[in-house]
């Protein structure tokens, strides 16, 4: 799964629900707009984060969540995530 916001938007929230039939998750993203002058091009991906049950991910002050990449892990029987974090100008 790969999800990235358009130029002037960011991820304000993510919820997921586990589907036992496919042994995977379904996601919904809440997105918000920010003025183009507020977003900097300085972005990076976090180290991988395993989703085991419930977890919370927030951006540091002055940063936003712009995207997410994930892949299913058979070892964890859940997903591993990398979040794209961008600095606000």
C-alpha atoms as a PDB file:
ATOM      1  CA  UNK A   1       0.000   0.000   0.000  1.00  0.00           C
ATOM      2  CA  UNK A   2       1.259   3.461  -0.856  1.00  0.00           C
ATOM      3  CA  UNK A   3      -0.618   6.646  -0.027  1.00  0.00           C
ATOM      4  CA  UNK A   4       0.667  10.145  -0.680  1.00  0.00           C
ATOM      5  CA  UNK A   5      -1.096  13.464  -0.398  1.00  0.00           C
ATOM      6  CA  UNK A   6      -1.244  16.048  -3.164  1.00  0.00           C
ATOM      7  CA  UNK A   7       0.907  19.170  -3.025  1.00  0.00           C
ATOM      8  CA  UNK A   8      -0.973  21.287  -0.448  1.00  0.00           C
ATOM      9  CA  UNK A   9      -2.537  18.593   1.713  1.00  0.00           C
ATOM     10  CA  UNK A  10      -1.428  16.438   4.617  1.00  0.00           C
ATOM     11  CA  UNK A  11      -2.647  13.435   6.596  1.00  0.00           C
ATOM     12  CA  UNK A  12      -4.639  14.490   9.664  1.00  0.00           C
ATOM     13  CA  UNK A  13      -5.769  11.009  10.684  1.00  0.00           C
ATOM     14  CA  UNK A  14      -5.706   7.330   9.768  1.00  0.00           C
ATOM     15  CA  UNK A  15      -7.984   4.574  10.970  1.00  0.00           C
ATOM     16  CA  UNK A  16      -7.847   0.925  10.054  1.00  0.00           C
ATOM     17  CA  UNK A  17      -9.906  -2.166  10.529  1.00  0.00           C
ATOM     18  CA  UNK A  18      -8.539  -5.697  10.379  1.00  0.00           C
ATOM     19  CA  UNK A  19     -10.270  -8.051   7.950  1.00  0.00           C
ATOM     20  CA  UNK A  20      -9.974 -11.665   9.106  1.00  0.00           C
ATOM     21  CA  UNK A  21     -10.995 -12.998   5.684  1.00  0.00           C
ATOM     22  CA  UNK A  22      -8.009 -11.477   3.886  1.00  0.00           C
ATOM     23  CA  UNK A  23      -5.847 -11.282   7.041  1.00  0.00           C
ATOM     24  CA  UNK A  24      -5.080  -7.670   6.219  1.00  0.00           C
ATOM     25  CA  UNK A  25      -6.278  -4.158   7.026  1.00  0.00           C
ATOM     26  CA  UNK A  26      -8.545  -1.630   5.326  1.00  0.00           C
ATOM     27  CA  UNK A  27      -7.619   2.024   5.773  1.00  0.00           C
ATOM     28  CA  UNK A  28      -9.365   5.387   5.756  1.00  0.00           C
ATOM     29  CA  UNK A  29      -7.365   8.618   5.619  1.00  0.00           C
ATOM     30  CA  UNK A  30      -8.459  12.055   6.796  1.00  0.00           C
ATOM     31  CA  UNK A  31      -6.786  14.791   4.800  1.00  0.00           C
ATOM     32  CA  UNK A  32      -6.524  18.551   5.349  1.00  0.00           C
ATOM     33  CA  UNK A  33      -5.268  21.453   3.239  1.00  0.00           C
ATOM     34  CA  UNK A  34      -2.422  23.795   4.104  1.00  0.00           C
ATOM     35  CA  UNK A  35      -1.343  26.880   2.170  1.00  0.00           C
ATOM     36  CA  UNK A  36       1.404  26.115  -0.328  1.00  0.00           C
ATOM     37  CA  UNK A  37       3.705  28.666   1.323  1.00  0.00           C
ATOM     38  CA  UNK A  38       3.556  26.677   4.582  1.00  0.00           C
ATOM     39  CA  UNK A  39       4.892  23.432   3.126  1.00  0.00           C
ATOM     40  CA  UNK A  40       8.602  22.934   2.628  1.00  0.00           C
ATOM     41  CA  UNK A  41      10.196  20.410   0.284  1.00  0.00           C
ATOM     42  CA  UNK A  42      12.294  18.954   3.088  1.00  0.00           C
ATOM     43  CA  UNK A  43      10.790  15.466   3.545  1.00  0.00           C
ATOM     44  CA  UNK A  44      12.036  12.111   4.773  1.00  0.00           C
ATOM     45  CA  UNK A  45      10.692   8.627   5.557  1.00  0.00           C
ATOM     46  CA  UNK A  46      10.727   7.285   9.103  1.00  0.00           C
ATOM     47  CA  UNK A  47      12.297   3.968  10.001  1.00  0.00           C
ATOM     48  CA  UNK A  48       9.881   1.055   9.780  1.00  0.00           C
ATOM     49  CA  UNK A  49       7.123   0.745  12.367  1.00  0.00           C
ATOM     50  CA  UNK A  50       5.355  -2.573  12.932  1.00  0.00           C
ATOM     51  CA  UNK A  51       1.644  -2.307  13.615  1.00  0.00           C
ATOM     52  CA  UNK A  52       0.874  -4.780  16.344  1.00  0.00           C
ATOM     53  CA  UNK A  53      -2.602  -4.042  17.614  1.00  0.00           C
ATOM     54  CA  UNK A  54      -3.225  -0.330  18.225  1.00  0.00           C
ATOM     55  CA  UNK A  55      -0.623   2.371  17.792  1.00  0.00           C
ATOM     56  CA  UNK A  56      -0.411   6.145  17.365  1.00  0.00           C
ATOM     57  CA  UNK A  57       1.917   8.107  15.142  1.00  0.00           C
ATOM     58  CA  UNK A  58       2.235  11.873  15.335  1.00  0.00           C
ATOM     59  CA  UNK A  59       4.556  14.311  13.614  1.00  0.00           C
ATOM     60  CA  UNK A  60       6.916  16.465  15.638  1.00  0.00           C
ATOM     61  CA  UNK A  61       6.051  20.148  16.093  1.00  0.00           C
ATOM     62  CA  UNK A  62       6.744  21.953  12.825  1.00  0.00           C
ATOM     63  CA  UNK A  63       6.291  18.808  10.706  1.00  0.00           C
ATOM     64  CA  UNK A  64       3.348  17.078   9.005  1.00  0.00           C
ATOM     65  CA  UNK A  65       2.577  13.534   7.819  1.00  0.00           C
ATOM     66  CA  UNK A  66       2.499  13.653   4.020  1.00  0.00           C
ATOM     67  CA  UNK A  67       2.407   9.989   3.003  1.00  0.00           C
ATOM     68  CA  UNK A  68       2.718   6.376   4.069  1.00  0.00           C
ATOM     69  CA  UNK A  69       4.066   3.179   2.538  1.00  0.00           C
ATOM     70  CA  UNK A  70       3.310  -0.210   4.024  1.00  0.00           C
ATOM     71  CA  UNK A  71       3.738  -3.866   3.290  1.00  0.00           C
ATOM     72  CA  UNK A  72       2.320  -6.953   4.913  1.00  0.00           C
ATOM     73  CA  UNK A  73       4.674  -8.845   7.220  1.00  0.00           C
ATOM     74  CA  UNK A  74       4.061 -12.576   7.504  1.00  0.00           C
ATOM     75  CA  UNK A  75       6.350 -12.593  10.545  1.00  0.00           C
ATOM     76  CA  UNK A  76       4.139 -10.101  12.411  1.00  0.00           C
ATOM     77  CA  UNK A  77       0.901 -11.114  10.627  1.00  0.00           C
ATOM     78  CA  UNK A  78       0.225  -7.421  10.220  1.00  0.00           C
ATOM     79  CA  UNK A  79       1.645  -4.408   8.374  1.00  0.00           C
ATOM     80  CA  UNK A  80       4.950  -2.578   8.605  1.00  0.00           C
ATOM     81  CA  UNK A  81       4.884   1.165   7.874  1.00  0.00           C
ATOM     82  CA  UNK A  82       7.184   3.930   6.710  1.00  0.00           C
ATOM     83  CA  UNK A  83       5.755   7.449   7.123  1.00  0.00           C
ATOM     84  CA  UNK A  84       6.707  10.406   4.952  1.00  0.00           C
ATOM     85  CA  UNK A  85       7.270  13.431   7.203  1.00  0.00           C
ATOM     86  CA  UNK A  86       7.703  16.975   5.816  1.00  0.00           C
ATOM     87  CA  UNK A  87       8.904  20.164   7.489  1.00  0.00           C
ATOM     88  CA  UNK A  88       6.670  23.229   7.557  1.00  0.00           C
ATOM     89  CA  UNK A  89       8.310  26.456   6.451  1.00  0.00           C
END
